[in-house]
Amino acid sequence: MAQIKDILSIKLEDDIKSVINLNSQSEEDILEELDGFILTESLSKHLSDLFGSGTKQSGLWLSGFYGSGKSYFSKMMGMLLSNRTIVGTPMRQRFMPKLQGLKDADILQNSIEAMGRTRNHVVLFDSAKETG
């Protein structure tokens, strides 16, 4: 009989960070966080809403309960917007396998690829940690 660990694409024995540090920008940390990020149907809907909003606003506010994944989600979105190259591969290209199996994967992929048509400046900060 197959076990859950045999059908998942993530390694269950890997350490899972309980808190995502928005300021941690090393390539190793970003790769580890991307590998552990699971894009569910629910999260993909939020991602679609974000990309489909067509907003011209200069910022985005995320709110939710403690531990709900706001920092993780925002860091992944920030990395997609900035499209930083991680170990020789742009972030958007590294993110595409996360779309596999999602209901609207093609639409989402087109939205992510369309990000390249605009210039984005991403500033991530945790207001609970900022002082002054």
N, C-alpha and C. Protein backbone atom coordinates (compact mmCIF):
# COMPACT_ATOMS: atom_id res chain seq x y z
N MET A 1 0.84 -1.18 0.00
CA MET A 1 0.00 0.00 0.00
C MET A 1 0.89 1.24 0.00
N ALA A 2 0.56 2.21 -0.86
CA ALA A 2 1.33 3.46 -0.96
C ALA A 2 1.14 4.30 0.30
N GLN A 3 2.21 4.94 0.70
CA GLN A 3 2.14 5.84 1.84
C GLN A 3 2.09 7.27 1.32
N ILE A 4 1.58 8.18 2.15
CA ILE A 4 1.45 9.58 1.76
C ILE A 4 2.77 10.14 1.28
N LYS A 5 3.86 9.84 1.99
CA LYS A 5 5.17 10.37 1.63
C LYS A 5 5.60 9.92 0.23
N ASP A 6 5.04 8.81 -0.26
CA ASP A 6 5.41 8.29 -1.58
C ASP A 6 4.69 9.02 -2.71
N ILE A 7 3.57 9.67 -2.43
CA ILE A 7 2.82 10.33 -3.49
C ILE A 7 3.00 11.85 -3.50
N LEU A 8 3.64 12.40 -2.47
CA LEU A 8 3.87 13.84 -2.41
C LEU A 8 5.16 14.20 -3.13
N SER A 9 5.20 15.41 -3.68
CA SER A 9 6.41 15.87 -4.36
C SER A 9 7.37 16.56 -3.39
N ILE A 10 6.98 16.71 -2.13
CA ILE A 10 7.86 17.31 -1.13
C ILE A 10 8.37 16.21 -0.21
N LYS A 11 9.48 16.48 0.42
CA LYS A 11 10.06 15.52 1.35
C LYS A 11 9.55 15.82 2.75
N LEU A 12 8.80 14.91 3.32
CA LEU A 12 8.22 15.12 4.64
C LEU A 12 9.27 15.17 5.74
N GLU A 13 10.41 14.57 5.50
CA GLU A 13 11.44 14.58 6.53
C GLU A 13 12.22 15.90 6.59
N ASP A 14 12.05 16.76 5.59
CA ASP A 14 12.71 18.07 5.61
C ASP A 14 12.12 18.94 6.69
N ASP A 15 12.96 19.78 7.29
CA ASP A 15 12.53 20.71 8.31
C ASP A 15 11.65 21.79 7.67
N ILE A 16 10.51 22.05 8.27
CA ILE A 16 9.60 23.08 7.77
C ILE A 16 9.70 24.29 8.70
N LYS A 17 10.01 25.43 8.10
CA LYS A 17 10.12 26.65 8.90
C LYS A 17 8.75 27.05 9.40
N SER A 18 8.67 27.40 10.67
CA SER A 18 7.39 27.83 11.22
C SER A 18 7.15 29.31 10.95
N VAL A 19 8.22 30.04 10.65
CA VAL A 19 8.12 31.47 10.35
C VAL A 19 8.97 31.77 9.13
N ILE A 20 8.40 32.49 8.17
CA ILE A 20 9.14 32.91 6.99
C ILE A 20 9.70 34.29 7.24
N ASN A 21 10.99 34.44 7.03
CA ASN A 21 11.65 35.73 7.23
C ASN A 21 11.66 36.47 5.89
N LEU A 22 10.93 37.57 5.81
CA LEU A 22 10.87 38.33 4.57
C LEU A 22 12.22 38.91 4.19
N ASN A 23 13.06 39.16 5.16
CA ASN A 23 14.36 39.78 4.89
C ASN A 23 15.42 38.78 4.44
N SER A 24 15.17 37.49 4.61
CA SER A 24 16.14 36.48 4.20
C SER A 24 16.10 36.36 2.69
N GLN A 25 17.17 36.80 2.03
CA GLN A 25 17.18 36.85 0.57
C GLN A 25 18.29 36.00 -0.05
N SER A 26 18.90 35.12 0.72
CA SER A 26 19.95 34.28 0.14
C SER A 26 19.31 33.31 -0.86
N GLU A 27 20.06 32.98 -1.89
CA GLU A 27 19.53 32.08 -2.91
C GLU A 27 19.16 30.72 -2.31
N GLU A 28 19.97 30.26 -1.38
CA GLU A 28 19.71 28.96 -0.73
C GLU A 28 18.38 28.99 0.02
N ASP A 29 18.14 30.06 0.80
CA ASP A 29 16.88 30.18 1.54
C ASP A 29 15.68 30.29 0.61
N ILE A 30 15.83 31.07 -0.44
CA ILE A 30 14.72 31.26 -1.38
C ILE A 30 14.38 29.94 -2.08
N LEU A 31 15.39 29.20 -2.50
CA LEU A 31 15.14 27.90 -3.13
C LEU A 31 14.44 26.95 -2.17
N GLU A 32 14.88 26.95 -0.93
CA GLU A 32 14.27 26.07 0.08
C GLU A 32 12.81 26.46 0.30
N GLU A 33 12.54 27.76 0.38
CA GLU A 33 11.16 28.22 0.59
C GLU A 33 10.30 27.91 -0.63
N LEU A 34 10.84 28.10 -1.82
CA LEU A 34 10.08 27.80 -3.03
C LEU A 34 9.78 26.31 -3.11
N ASP A 35 10.75 25.48 -2.79
CA ASP A 35 10.54 24.02 -2.82
C ASP A 35 9.42 23.61 -1.86
N GLY A 36 9.32 24.28 -0.72
CA GLY A 36 8.31 23.92 0.27
C GLY A 36 6.96 24.56 0.04
N PHE A 37 6.88 25.51 -0.88
CA PHE A 37 5.63 26.22 -1.14
C PHE A 37 4.69 25.35 -1.96
N ILE A 38 3.49 25.12 -1.45
CA ILE A 38 2.50 24.32 -2.15
C ILE A 38 1.37 25.25 -2.60
N LEU A 39 1.20 25.35 -3.90
CA LEU A 39 0.17 26.21 -4.46
C LEU A 39 -1.12 25.40 -4.56
N THR A 40 -2.01 25.62 -3.60
CA THR A 40 -3.30 24.92 -3.58
C THR A 40 -4.28 25.64 -4.51
N GLU A 41 -5.41 25.03 -4.76
CA GLU A 41 -6.46 25.69 -5.56
C GLU A 41 -6.87 27.01 -4.92
N SER A 42 -6.99 27.00 -3.60
CA SER A 42 -7.38 28.22 -2.88
C SER A 42 -6.34 29.33 -3.05
N LEU A 43 -5.08 28.99 -2.87
CA LEU A 43 -4.02 29.99 -3.06
C LEU A 43 -3.92 30.44 -4.51
N SER A 44 -4.16 29.53 -5.43
CA SER A 44 -4.10 29.92 -6.84
C SER A 44 -5.22 30.90 -7.18
N LYS A 45 -6.35 30.77 -6.49
CA LYS A 45 -7.46 31.73 -6.68
C LYS A 45 -7.03 33.11 -6.19
N HIS A 46 -6.36 33.17 -5.04
CA HIS A 46 -5.87 34.46 -4.53
C HIS A 46 -4.82 35.04 -5.48
N LEU A 47 -3.99 34.19 -6.02
CA LEU A 47 -2.98 34.63 -6.98
C LEU A 47 -3.64 35.18 -8.24
N SER A 48 -4.65 34.49 -8.73
CA SER A 48 -5.39 34.96 -9.91
C SER A 48 -6.06 36.30 -9.63
N ASP A 49 -6.65 36.42 -8.43
CA ASP A 49 -7.29 37.69 -8.06
C ASP A 49 -6.28 38.83 -8.06
N LEU A 50 -5.09 38.55 -7.53
CA LEU A 50 -4.04 39.55 -7.48
C LEU A 50 -3.63 39.98 -8.88
N PHE A 51 -3.39 39.03 -9.75
CA PHE A 51 -2.95 39.34 -11.10
C PHE A 51 -4.06 39.90 -11.97
N GLY A 52 -5.27 39.49 -11.72
CA GLY A 52 -6.39 39.92 -12.53
C GLY A 52 -7.00 41.23 -12.11
N SER A 53 -6.53 41.79 -11.00
CA SER A 53 -7.15 43.01 -10.49
C SER A 53 -6.87 44.22 -11.37
N GLY A 54 -5.76 44.18 -12.11
CA GLY A 54 -5.43 45.30 -12.98
C GLY A 54 -5.20 46.58 -12.21
N THR A 55 -4.89 46.48 -10.96
CA THR A 55 -4.72 47.65 -10.13
C THR A 55 -3.49 48.45 -10.52
N LYS A 56 -3.58 49.74 -10.37
CA LYS A 56 -2.46 50.65 -10.62
C LYS A 56 -1.94 51.19 -9.29
N GLN A 57 -2.41 50.62 -8.19
CA GLN A 57 -1.99 51.08 -6.87
C GLN A 57 -0.53 50.71 -6.63
N SER A 58 0.10 51.48 -5.76
CA SER A 58 1.52 51.27 -5.51
C SER A 58 1.78 50.28 -4.39
N GLY A 59 0.76 49.68 -3.82
CA GLY A 59 0.99 48.75 -2.73
C GLY A 59 -0.12 47.73 -2.61
N LEU A 60 0.13 46.78 -1.76
CA LEU A 60 -0.82 45.70 -1.53
C LEU A 60 -0.79 45.38 -0.05
N TRP A 61 -1.95 45.23 0.55
CA TRP A 61 -2.05 44.91 1.97
C TRP A 61 -2.61 43.51 2.12
N LEU A 62 -1.89 42.67 2.85
CA LEU A 62 -2.39 41.33 3.14
C LEU A 62 -2.73 41.26 4.61
N SER A 63 -3.87 40.70 4.91
CA SER A 63 -4.22 40.52 6.32
C SER A 63 -4.78 39.12 6.51
N GLY A 64 -4.66 38.64 7.71
CA GLY A 64 -5.16 37.31 8.03
C GLY A 64 -4.71 36.93 9.42
N PHE A 65 -5.15 35.79 9.85
CA PHE A 65 -4.81 35.32 11.19
C PHE A 65 -3.34 34.95 11.29
N TYR A 66 -2.82 35.00 12.50
CA TYR A 66 -1.45 34.59 12.77
C TYR A 66 -1.27 33.14 12.31
N GLY A 67 -0.21 32.91 11.56
CA GLY A 67 0.08 31.55 11.10
C GLY A 67 -0.67 31.12 9.87
N SER A 68 -1.38 32.04 9.22
CA SER A 68 -2.19 31.66 8.05
C SER A 68 -1.39 31.62 6.75
N GLY A 69 -0.13 32.05 6.77
CA GLY A 69 0.70 31.97 5.57
C GLY A 69 0.86 33.28 4.82
N LYS A 70 0.50 34.39 5.44
CA LYS A 70 0.60 35.70 4.76
C LYS A 70 2.02 36.00 4.31
N SER A 71 2.98 35.81 5.22
CA SER A 71 4.38 36.13 4.89
C SER A 71 4.89 35.22 3.78
N TYR A 72 4.57 33.96 3.86
CA TYR A 72 5.01 33.00 2.84
C TYR A 72 4.44 33.38 1.48
N PHE A 73 3.13 33.62 1.45
CA PHE A 73 2.45 33.99 0.21
C PHE A 73 3.03 35.30 -0.34
N SER A 74 3.19 36.30 0.52
CA SER A 74 3.68 37.59 0.05
C SER A 74 5.12 37.50 -0.44
N LYS A 75 5.94 36.69 0.21
CA LYS A 75 7.32 36.54 -0.25
C LYS A 75 7.36 35.89 -1.63
N MET A 76 6.55 34.86 -1.84
CA MET A 76 6.50 34.21 -3.14
C MET A 76 6.00 35.17 -4.22
N MET A 77 4.98 35.97 -3.89
CA MET A 77 4.45 36.93 -4.86
C MET A 77 5.49 38.01 -5.16
N GLY A 78 6.18 38.47 -4.12
CA GLY A 78 7.23 39.45 -4.32
C GLY A 78 8.34 38.92 -5.21
N MET A 79 8.70 37.66 -4.99
CA MET A 79 9.74 37.06 -5.82
C MET A 79 9.28 36.90 -7.27
N LEU A 80 7.99 36.60 -7.46
CA LEU A 80 7.46 36.51 -8.82
C LEU A 80 7.47 37.88 -9.49
N LEU A 81 7.06 38.90 -8.76
CA LEU A 81 7.04 40.25 -9.33
C LEU A 81 8.44 40.74 -9.70
N SER A 82 9.39 40.52 -8.81
CA SER A 82 10.75 41.00 -9.08
C SER A 82 11.47 40.10 -10.09
N ASN A 83 11.08 38.85 -10.16
CA ASN A 83 11.65 37.86 -11.08
C ASN A 83 13.17 37.74 -10.94
N ARG A 84 13.61 37.79 -9.73
CA ARG A 84 15.04 37.67 -9.44
C ARG A 84 15.56 36.33 -9.97
N THR A 85 16.77 36.35 -10.49
CA THR A 85 17.41 35.13 -10.96
C THR A 85 18.02 34.40 -9.77
N ILE A 86 17.63 33.15 -9.60
CA ILE A 86 18.10 32.31 -8.50
C ILE A 86 18.90 31.16 -9.11
N VAL A 87 20.16 31.10 -8.81
CA VAL A 87 21.07 30.08 -9.33
C VAL A 87 20.89 29.95 -10.85
N GLY A 88 20.89 31.08 -11.53
CA GLY A 88 20.87 31.10 -12.99
C GLY A 88 19.51 30.97 -13.65
N THR A 89 18.44 30.85 -12.87
CA THR A 89 17.10 30.67 -13.44
C THR A 89 16.15 31.72 -12.86
N PRO A 90 15.43 32.46 -13.72
CA PRO A 90 14.48 33.46 -13.21
C PRO A 90 13.39 32.81 -12.35
N MET A 91 12.96 33.53 -11.34
CA MET A 91 11.99 33.02 -10.38
C MET A 91 10.69 32.57 -11.05
N ARG A 92 10.21 33.33 -12.01
CA ARG A 92 8.94 32.94 -12.66
C ARG A 92 9.07 31.58 -13.32
N GLN A 93 10.19 31.32 -13.94
CA GLN A 93 10.42 30.02 -14.57
C GLN A 93 10.49 28.92 -13.51
N ARG A 94 11.12 29.20 -12.38
CA ARG A 94 11.22 28.22 -11.28
C ARG A 94 9.84 27.93 -10.67
N PHE A 95 8.94 28.91 -10.73
CA PHE A 95 7.63 28.79 -10.10
C PHE A 95 6.65 27.97 -10.94
N MET A 96 6.83 27.93 -12.25
CA MET A 96 5.86 27.31 -13.15
C MET A 96 5.48 25.86 -12.78
N PRO A 97 6.38 25.01 -12.32
CA PRO A 97 5.97 23.65 -11.95
C PRO A 97 4.93 23.63 -10.82
N LYS A 98 4.84 24.71 -10.04
CA LYS A 98 3.85 24.78 -8.96
C LYS A 98 2.42 24.80 -9.52
N LEU A 99 2.27 25.17 -10.78
CA LEU A 99 0.95 25.28 -11.40
C LEU A 99 0.40 23.93 -11.87
N GLN A 100 1.27 22.94 -11.97
CA GLN A 100 0.87 21.63 -12.49
C GLN A 100 -0.30 21.05 -11.70
N GLY A 101 -1.33 20.68 -12.43
CA GLY A 101 -2.49 20.03 -11.82
C GLY A 101 -3.58 21.00 -11.36
N LEU A 102 -3.31 22.30 -11.43
CA LEU A 102 -4.34 23.27 -11.01
C LEU A 102 -5.38 23.45 -12.11
N LYS A 103 -6.58 23.76 -11.69
CA LYS A 103 -7.71 23.91 -12.60
C LYS A 103 -7.46 24.96 -13.69
N ASP A 104 -6.97 26.12 -13.31
CA ASP A 104 -6.75 27.23 -14.26
C ASP A 104 -5.27 27.50 -14.48
N ALA A 105 -4.49 26.43 -14.59
CA ALA A 105 -3.04 26.56 -14.70
C ALA A 105 -2.62 27.40 -15.91
N ASP A 106 -3.27 27.22 -17.05
CA ASP A 106 -2.90 27.95 -18.26
C ASP A 106 -3.13 29.44 -18.11
N ILE A 107 -4.26 29.80 -17.53
CA ILE A 107 -4.58 31.21 -17.32
C ILE A 107 -3.59 31.84 -16.35
N LEU A 108 -3.30 31.12 -15.29
CA LEU A 108 -2.35 31.60 -14.29
C LEU A 108 -0.95 31.73 -14.89
N GLN A 109 -0.56 30.78 -15.70
CA GLN A 109 0.76 30.85 -16.34
C GLN A 109 0.84 32.09 -17.24
N ASN A 110 -0.20 32.36 -18.01
CA ASN A 110 -0.22 33.55 -18.86
C ASN A 110 -0.13 34.83 -18.03
N SER A 111 -0.81 34.85 -16.89
CA SER A 111 -0.77 36.02 -16.01
C SER A 111 0.64 36.24 -15.45
N ILE A 112 1.28 35.15 -15.06
CA ILE A 112 2.64 35.25 -14.52
C ILE A 112 3.61 35.71 -15.60
N GLU A 113 3.48 35.16 -16.79
CA GLU A 113 4.35 35.57 -17.89
C GLU A 113 4.12 37.02 -18.28
N ALA A 114 2.88 37.51 -18.14
CA ALA A 114 2.56 38.90 -18.48
C ALA A 114 3.20 39.89 -17.51
N MET A 115 3.63 39.42 -16.35
CA MET A 115 4.29 40.31 -15.39
C MET A 115 5.54 40.95 -15.99
N GLY A 116 6.12 40.29 -16.96
CA GLY A 116 7.33 40.80 -17.59
C GLY A 116 7.12 42.06 -18.40
N ARG A 117 5.88 42.44 -18.60
CA ARG A 117 5.58 43.64 -19.39
C ARG A 117 5.58 44.91 -18.56
N THR A 118 5.69 44.76 -17.25
CA THR A 118 5.71 45.93 -16.37
C THR A 118 6.97 45.91 -15.52
N ARG A 119 7.37 47.09 -15.09
CA ARG A 119 8.49 47.20 -14.16
C ARG A 119 7.94 47.21 -12.75
N ASN A 120 8.50 46.40 -11.92
CA ASN A 120 8.03 46.30 -10.53
C ASN A 120 9.18 46.53 -9.58
N HIS A 121 8.88 47.24 -8.52
CA HIS A 121 9.85 47.41 -7.44
C HIS A 121 9.20 46.83 -6.20
N VAL A 122 9.79 45.77 -5.68
CA VAL A 122 9.18 45.04 -4.57
C VAL A 122 9.89 45.41 -3.27
N VAL A 123 9.08 45.80 -2.28
CA VAL A 123 9.59 46.07 -0.94
C VAL A 123 8.75 45.23 0.01
N LEU A 124 9.35 44.24 0.61
CA LEU A 124 8.66 43.39 1.56
C LEU A 124 9.07 43.79 2.97
N PHE A 125 8.10 43.98 3.83
CA PHE A 125 8.43 44.23 5.24
C PHE A 125 7.29 43.75 6.10
N ASP A 126 7.64 43.36 7.29
CA ASP A 126 6.67 42.89 8.28
C ASP A 126 6.44 44.05 9.23
N SER A 127 5.27 44.65 9.17
CA SER A 127 5.01 45.84 9.98
C SER A 127 5.07 45.53 11.47
N ALA A 128 4.87 44.29 11.85
CA ALA A 128 4.95 43.94 13.27
C ALA A 128 6.40 43.96 13.77
N LYS A 129 7.36 43.85 12.85
CA LYS A 129 8.76 43.84 13.22
C LYS A 129 9.44 45.20 13.03
N GLU A 130 8.78 46.10 12.34
CA GLU A 130 9.37 47.40 12.06
C GLU A 130 9.17 48.34 13.23
N THR A 131 10.17 49.16 13.47
CA THR A 131 10.06 50.17 14.52
C THR A 131 10.43 51.52 13.94
N GLY A 132 9.96 52.57 14.60
CA GLY A 132 10.31 53.92 14.17
C GLY A 132 9.44 54.44 13.09
